[in-house]
Amino acid sequence: MTRIKRGYIARRRRTKIRLFASSFRGAHSRLTRTITQQKIRALVSAHRDRGRQKRNFRRLWITRINAVIRDRGVSYSYSRLIHDLYKKQLLLNRKILAQIAISNRNCLYMISNEIIK
């Protein structure tokens, strides 16, 4: 019986996996079984860190807003600012408030003064 060479489908699948792992180092970019393990690990990490990135940015925005607000006066805090924003029904999210706090502090002070009145 003659030897049967396998078809191109398996090779095509492996090359597709190798393209995903081409930037990995060592055996993680060369050995098929290791590549599949690393691919699963990379996708799990990417999925987990997308949520973590949102969390970290929200923490950063809150810290920036709080720093600028407390710089103005010790009596006013971040939590009171956000509470007053909701009471006045001003729809400004934390990202926009942080950008205002960095670029134009006077504008943030004006917003907080309007809320207090």
N, C-alpha and C. Protein backbone atom coordinates (compact mmCIF):
# COMPACT_ATOMS: atom_id res chain seq x y z
N MET A 1 0.83 -1.18 0.00
CA MET A 1 0.00 0.00 0.00
C MET A 1 0.88 1.25 0.00
N THR A 2 0.51 2.19 -0.79
CA THR A 2 1.32 3.40 -0.88
C THR A 2 0.99 4.36 0.25
N ARG A 3 1.95 5.19 0.54
CA ARG A 3 1.79 6.19 1.60
C ARG A 3 0.85 7.29 1.13
N ILE A 4 -0.08 7.67 1.99
CA ILE A 4 -1.01 8.74 1.64
C ILE A 4 -0.54 10.02 2.32
N LYS A 5 -0.35 11.04 1.53
CA LYS A 5 0.01 12.34 2.10
C LYS A 5 -1.26 13.03 2.57
N ARG A 6 -1.20 13.62 3.74
CA ARG A 6 -2.38 14.30 4.27
C ARG A 6 -2.71 15.52 3.41
N GLY A 7 -3.95 15.92 3.46
CA GLY A 7 -4.40 17.05 2.68
C GLY A 7 -3.91 18.37 3.23
N TYR A 8 -4.28 19.42 2.57
CA TYR A 8 -3.78 20.74 2.93
C TYR A 8 -4.60 21.39 4.04
N ILE A 9 -5.74 20.79 4.42
CA ILE A 9 -6.65 21.44 5.37
C ILE A 9 -6.00 21.60 6.74
N ALA A 10 -5.37 20.54 7.22
CA ALA A 10 -4.72 20.62 8.54
C ALA A 10 -3.58 21.63 8.51
N ARG A 11 -2.81 21.62 7.42
CA ARG A 11 -1.69 22.56 7.30
C ARG A 11 -2.20 24.00 7.25
N ARG A 12 -3.31 24.20 6.55
CA ARG A 12 -3.90 25.53 6.46
C ARG A 12 -4.36 26.02 7.84
N ARG A 13 -4.95 25.09 8.63
CA ARG A 13 -5.40 25.44 9.98
C ARG A 13 -4.21 25.82 10.86
N ARG A 14 -3.12 25.06 10.75
CA ARG A 14 -1.93 25.35 11.57
C ARG A 14 -1.27 26.68 11.19
N THR A 15 -1.22 26.97 9.89
CA THR A 15 -0.62 28.24 9.47
C THR A 15 -1.46 29.42 9.93
N LYS A 16 -2.79 29.23 9.96
CA LYS A 16 -3.66 30.29 10.45
C LYS A 16 -3.39 30.57 11.94
N ILE A 17 -3.19 29.50 12.70
CA ILE A 17 -2.87 29.65 14.12
C ILE A 17 -1.50 30.30 14.28
N ARG A 18 -0.55 29.90 13.42
CA ARG A 18 0.81 30.47 13.50
C ARG A 18 0.82 31.96 13.21
N LEU A 19 -0.05 32.41 12.31
CA LEU A 19 -0.11 33.84 12.02
C LEU A 19 -0.55 34.63 13.24
N PHE A 20 -1.44 34.06 14.04
CA PHE A 20 -1.88 34.72 15.28
C PHE A 20 -0.72 34.87 16.25
N ALA A 21 0.14 33.83 16.31
CA ALA A 21 1.20 33.80 17.31
C ALA A 21 2.55 34.20 16.75
N SER A 22 2.57 34.90 15.63
CA SER A 22 3.86 35.21 15.00
C SER A 22 4.71 36.16 15.83
N SER A 23 4.07 36.94 16.70
CA SER A 23 4.84 37.89 17.51
C SER A 23 5.29 37.29 18.84
N PHE A 24 4.88 36.06 19.15
CA PHE A 24 5.29 35.43 20.40
C PHE A 24 6.74 34.99 20.30
N ARG A 25 7.37 34.71 21.45
CA ARG A 25 8.79 34.36 21.46
C ARG A 25 9.00 32.87 21.66
N GLY A 26 10.04 32.34 21.03
CA GLY A 26 10.46 30.97 21.25
C GLY A 26 9.46 29.95 20.74
N ALA A 27 9.27 28.90 21.56
CA ALA A 27 8.38 27.80 21.16
C ALA A 27 6.94 28.26 21.05
N HIS A 28 6.60 29.36 21.71
CA HIS A 28 5.23 29.87 21.67
C HIS A 28 4.84 30.34 20.28
N SER A 29 5.82 30.52 19.40
CA SER A 29 5.50 30.92 18.03
C SER A 29 5.84 29.82 17.02
N ARG A 30 6.36 28.67 17.49
CA ARG A 30 6.80 27.63 16.55
C ARG A 30 6.06 26.31 16.69
N LEU A 31 5.78 25.88 17.92
CA LEU A 31 5.17 24.57 18.13
C LEU A 31 3.65 24.71 18.18
N THR A 32 2.98 23.87 17.41
CA THR A 32 1.53 24.02 17.23
C THR A 32 0.76 23.88 18.53
N ARG A 33 1.10 22.90 19.34
CA ARG A 33 0.36 22.68 20.58
C ARG A 33 0.57 23.85 21.56
N THR A 34 1.79 24.33 21.62
CA THR A 34 2.10 25.46 22.50
C THR A 34 1.43 26.73 21.98
N ILE A 35 1.37 26.88 20.67
CA ILE A 35 0.72 28.05 20.08
C ILE A 35 -0.76 28.08 20.45
N THR A 36 -1.44 26.93 20.38
CA THR A 36 -2.86 26.91 20.71
C THR A 36 -3.09 27.26 22.18
N GLN A 37 -2.22 26.76 23.06
CA GLN A 37 -2.33 27.10 24.48
C GLN A 37 -2.14 28.60 24.70
N GLN A 38 -1.13 29.15 24.04
CA GLN A 38 -0.85 30.59 24.21
C GLN A 38 -1.95 31.45 23.61
N LYS A 39 -2.56 30.96 22.52
CA LYS A 39 -3.65 31.71 21.91
C LYS A 39 -4.83 31.79 22.87
N ILE A 40 -5.17 30.66 23.48
CA ILE A 40 -6.27 30.65 24.46
C ILE A 40 -5.94 31.59 25.61
N ARG A 41 -4.72 31.51 26.09
CA ARG A 41 -4.30 32.36 27.22
C ARG A 41 -4.36 33.84 26.85
N ALA A 42 -3.92 34.17 25.63
CA ALA A 42 -3.92 35.57 25.19
C ALA A 42 -5.34 36.10 25.06
N LEU A 43 -6.23 35.29 24.52
CA LEU A 43 -7.61 35.75 24.35
C LEU A 43 -8.32 35.91 25.70
N VAL A 44 -8.02 35.02 26.64
CA VAL A 44 -8.59 35.13 27.99
C VAL A 44 -8.11 36.42 28.65
N SER A 45 -6.80 36.68 28.52
CA SER A 45 -6.25 37.90 29.12
C SER A 45 -6.84 39.15 28.49
N ALA A 46 -7.00 39.13 27.17
CA ALA A 46 -7.56 40.29 26.48
C ALA A 46 -8.99 40.55 26.93
N HIS A 47 -9.78 39.49 27.07
CA HIS A 47 -11.17 39.63 27.50
C HIS A 47 -11.24 40.18 28.92
N ARG A 48 -10.40 39.63 29.82
CA ARG A 48 -10.39 40.08 31.21
C ARG A 48 -9.94 41.54 31.32
N ASP A 49 -8.92 41.90 30.56
CA ASP A 49 -8.32 43.23 30.71
C ASP A 49 -9.13 44.33 30.04
N ARG A 50 -10.07 43.97 29.14
CA ARG A 50 -10.95 45.00 28.60
C ARG A 50 -11.83 45.57 29.71
N GLY A 51 -12.35 44.70 30.55
CA GLY A 51 -13.14 45.17 31.69
C GLY A 51 -12.29 45.91 32.69
N ARG A 52 -11.08 45.42 32.90
CA ARG A 52 -10.17 46.05 33.86
C ARG A 52 -9.75 47.44 33.39
N GLN A 53 -9.60 47.60 32.07
CA GLN A 53 -9.21 48.90 31.52
C GLN A 53 -10.29 49.94 31.76
N LYS A 54 -11.55 49.55 31.57
CA LYS A 54 -12.66 50.47 31.85
C LYS A 54 -12.66 50.89 33.31
N ARG A 55 -12.41 49.93 34.19
CA ARG A 55 -12.37 50.20 35.62
C ARG A 55 -11.25 51.17 35.97
N ASN A 56 -10.07 50.94 35.37
CA ASN A 56 -8.91 51.79 35.67
C ASN A 56 -9.11 53.22 35.18
N PHE A 57 -9.69 53.37 33.99
CA PHE A 57 -9.93 54.71 33.48
C PHE A 57 -10.93 55.46 34.33
N ARG A 58 -11.98 54.77 34.79
CA ARG A 58 -12.96 55.42 35.65
C ARG A 58 -12.31 55.88 36.95
N ARG A 59 -11.42 55.05 37.52
CA ARG A 59 -10.69 55.45 38.74
C ARG A 59 -9.82 56.67 38.49
N LEU A 60 -9.17 56.71 37.32
CA LEU A 60 -8.31 57.84 36.97
C LEU A 60 -9.12 59.13 36.85
N TRP A 61 -10.29 59.04 36.18
CA TRP A 61 -11.13 60.24 36.01
C TRP A 61 -11.62 60.74 37.36
N ILE A 62 -12.03 59.82 38.22
CA ILE A 62 -12.52 60.22 39.55
C ILE A 62 -11.42 60.90 40.35
N THR A 63 -10.20 60.36 40.27
CA THR A 63 -9.07 60.95 40.99
C THR A 63 -8.77 62.35 40.49
N ARG A 64 -8.80 62.55 39.18
CA ARG A 64 -8.51 63.87 38.61
C ARG A 64 -9.57 64.90 39.02
N ILE A 65 -10.83 64.51 38.94
CA ILE A 65 -11.91 65.44 39.31
C ILE A 65 -11.80 65.80 40.78
N ASN A 66 -11.57 64.79 41.61
CA ASN A 66 -11.49 65.01 43.05
C ASN A 66 -10.33 65.94 43.40
N ALA A 67 -9.19 65.76 42.71
CA ALA A 67 -8.02 66.60 43.00
C ALA A 67 -8.31 68.06 42.68
N VAL A 68 -8.95 68.32 41.54
CA VAL A 68 -9.23 69.70 41.14
C VAL A 68 -10.28 70.32 42.06
N ILE A 69 -11.31 69.55 42.40
CA ILE A 69 -12.38 70.06 43.26
C ILE A 69 -11.84 70.37 44.66
N ARG A 70 -11.03 69.50 45.21
CA ARG A 70 -10.49 69.72 46.55
C ARG A 70 -9.46 70.85 46.58
N ASP A 71 -8.84 71.10 45.43
CA ASP A 71 -7.88 72.21 45.34
C ASP A 71 -8.58 73.55 45.56
N ARG A 72 -9.83 73.61 45.15
CA ARG A 72 -10.61 74.85 45.27
C ARG A 72 -10.96 75.16 46.72
N GLY A 73 -11.38 74.16 47.44
CA GLY A 73 -11.75 74.37 48.83
C GLY A 73 -11.91 73.04 49.52
N VAL A 74 -11.54 72.97 50.78
CA VAL A 74 -11.56 71.69 51.49
C VAL A 74 -12.99 71.22 51.75
N SER A 75 -13.93 72.14 51.83
CA SER A 75 -15.29 71.77 52.19
C SER A 75 -16.02 71.02 51.07
N TYR A 76 -15.60 71.18 49.83
CA TYR A 76 -16.30 70.56 48.71
C TYR A 76 -15.56 69.30 48.29
N SER A 77 -16.28 68.22 48.02
CA SER A 77 -15.64 66.95 47.65
C SER A 77 -16.25 66.41 46.36
N TYR A 78 -15.63 65.38 45.85
CA TYR A 78 -16.06 64.74 44.60
C TYR A 78 -17.47 64.17 44.75
N SER A 79 -17.71 63.48 45.84
CA SER A 79 -19.00 62.81 46.01
C SER A 79 -20.14 63.84 46.06
N ARG A 80 -19.88 64.97 46.71
CA ARG A 80 -20.91 66.00 46.76
C ARG A 80 -21.15 66.63 45.39
N LEU A 81 -20.07 66.80 44.62
CA LEU A 81 -20.20 67.33 43.26
C LEU A 81 -21.07 66.43 42.41
N ILE A 82 -20.80 65.14 42.43
CA ILE A 82 -21.57 64.19 41.62
C ILE A 82 -23.02 64.14 42.09
N HIS A 83 -23.23 64.17 43.40
CA HIS A 83 -24.59 64.16 43.94
C HIS A 83 -25.37 65.40 43.48
N ASP A 84 -24.72 66.56 43.54
CA ASP A 84 -25.37 67.80 43.11
C ASP A 84 -25.63 67.81 41.60
N LEU A 85 -24.72 67.20 40.83
CA LEU A 85 -24.94 67.10 39.38
C LEU A 85 -26.20 66.30 39.09
N TYR A 86 -26.37 65.20 39.80
CA TYR A 86 -27.56 64.38 39.59
C TYR A 86 -28.83 65.10 40.05
N LYS A 87 -28.73 65.85 41.15
CA LYS A 87 -29.90 66.60 41.62
C LYS A 87 -30.33 67.65 40.62
N LYS A 88 -29.36 68.34 40.01
CA LYS A 88 -29.66 69.38 39.02
C LYS A 88 -29.93 68.80 37.63
N GLN A 89 -29.79 67.48 37.49
CA GLN A 89 -30.01 66.77 36.23
C GLN A 89 -29.09 67.26 35.12
N LEU A 90 -27.82 67.51 35.46
CA LEU A 90 -26.82 67.84 34.47
C LEU A 90 -26.15 66.56 34.01
N LEU A 91 -26.24 66.25 32.73
CA LEU A 91 -25.73 64.99 32.22
C LEU A 91 -24.29 65.16 31.73
N LEU A 92 -23.37 65.15 32.66
CA LEU A 92 -21.93 65.19 32.35
C LEU A 92 -21.29 63.95 32.95
N ASN A 93 -20.72 63.11 32.11
CA ASN A 93 -20.09 61.92 32.66
C ASN A 93 -18.70 62.23 33.19
N ARG A 94 -18.10 61.26 33.85
CA ARG A 94 -16.83 61.47 34.54
C ARG A 94 -15.69 61.74 33.56
N LYS A 95 -15.75 61.14 32.37
CA LYS A 95 -14.71 61.36 31.38
C LYS A 95 -14.69 62.82 30.95
N ILE A 96 -15.85 63.38 30.65
CA ILE A 96 -15.94 64.77 30.23
C ILE A 96 -15.52 65.70 31.36
N LEU A 97 -15.98 65.40 32.58
CA LEU A 97 -15.60 66.23 33.73
C LEU A 97 -14.09 66.22 33.95
N ALA A 98 -13.46 65.07 33.77
CA ALA A 98 -12.00 64.98 33.95
C ALA A 98 -11.28 65.79 32.87
N GLN A 99 -11.78 65.74 31.63
CA GLN A 99 -11.16 66.53 30.57
C GLN A 99 -11.30 68.02 30.84
N ILE A 100 -12.46 68.43 31.34
CA ILE A 100 -12.66 69.83 31.71
C ILE A 100 -11.73 70.21 32.85
N ALA A 101 -11.58 69.31 33.83
CA ALA A 101 -10.73 69.58 34.98
C ALA A 101 -9.28 69.78 34.58
N ILE A 102 -8.82 69.03 33.59
CA ILE A 102 -7.42 69.15 33.15
C ILE A 102 -7.22 70.39 32.28
N SER A 103 -8.10 70.54 31.28
CA SER A 103 -7.87 71.60 30.30
C SER A 103 -8.29 72.98 30.79
N ASN A 104 -9.41 73.05 31.52
CA ASN A 104 -9.93 74.35 31.90
C ASN A 104 -10.54 74.27 33.30
N ARG A 105 -9.72 74.52 34.31
CA ARG A 105 -10.19 74.41 35.69
C ARG A 105 -11.27 75.44 36.01
N ASN A 106 -11.15 76.64 35.45
CA ASN A 106 -12.14 77.68 35.73
C ASN A 106 -13.53 77.26 35.30
N CYS A 107 -13.61 76.52 34.21
CA CYS A 107 -14.91 76.04 33.73
C CYS A 107 -15.52 75.07 34.74
N LEU A 108 -14.69 74.20 35.30
CA LEU A 108 -15.19 73.26 36.31
C LEU A 108 -15.62 74.01 37.57
N TYR A 109 -14.87 75.05 37.93
CA TYR A 109 -15.27 75.86 39.08
C TYR A 109 -16.61 76.55 38.82
N MET A 110 -16.80 77.03 37.59
CA MET A 110 -18.08 77.68 37.25
C MET A 110 -19.23 76.68 37.33
N ILE A 111 -19.00 75.46 36.86
CA ILE A 111 -20.04 74.43 36.94
C ILE A 111 -20.39 74.13 38.38
N SER A 112 -19.36 73.99 39.23
CA SER A 112 -19.63 73.68 40.63
C SER A 112 -20.33 74.84 41.35
N ASN A 113 -19.98 76.09 40.97
CA ASN A 113 -20.66 77.24 41.57
C ASN A 113 -22.12 77.31 41.16
N GLU A 114 -22.41 76.98 39.91
CA GLU A 114 -23.79 76.97 39.43
C GLU A 114 -24.62 75.90 40.16
N ILE A 115 -23.98 74.79 40.43
CA ILE A 115 -24.68 73.69 41.11
C ILE A 115 -25.03 74.09 42.54
N ILE A 116 -24.11 74.76 43.22
CA ILE A 116 -24.30 75.13 44.63
C ILE A 116 -25.47 76.10 44.77
N LYS A 117 -25.59 77.02 43.82
CA LYS A 117 -26.65 78.05 43.93
C LYS A 117 -28.04 77.46 43.86
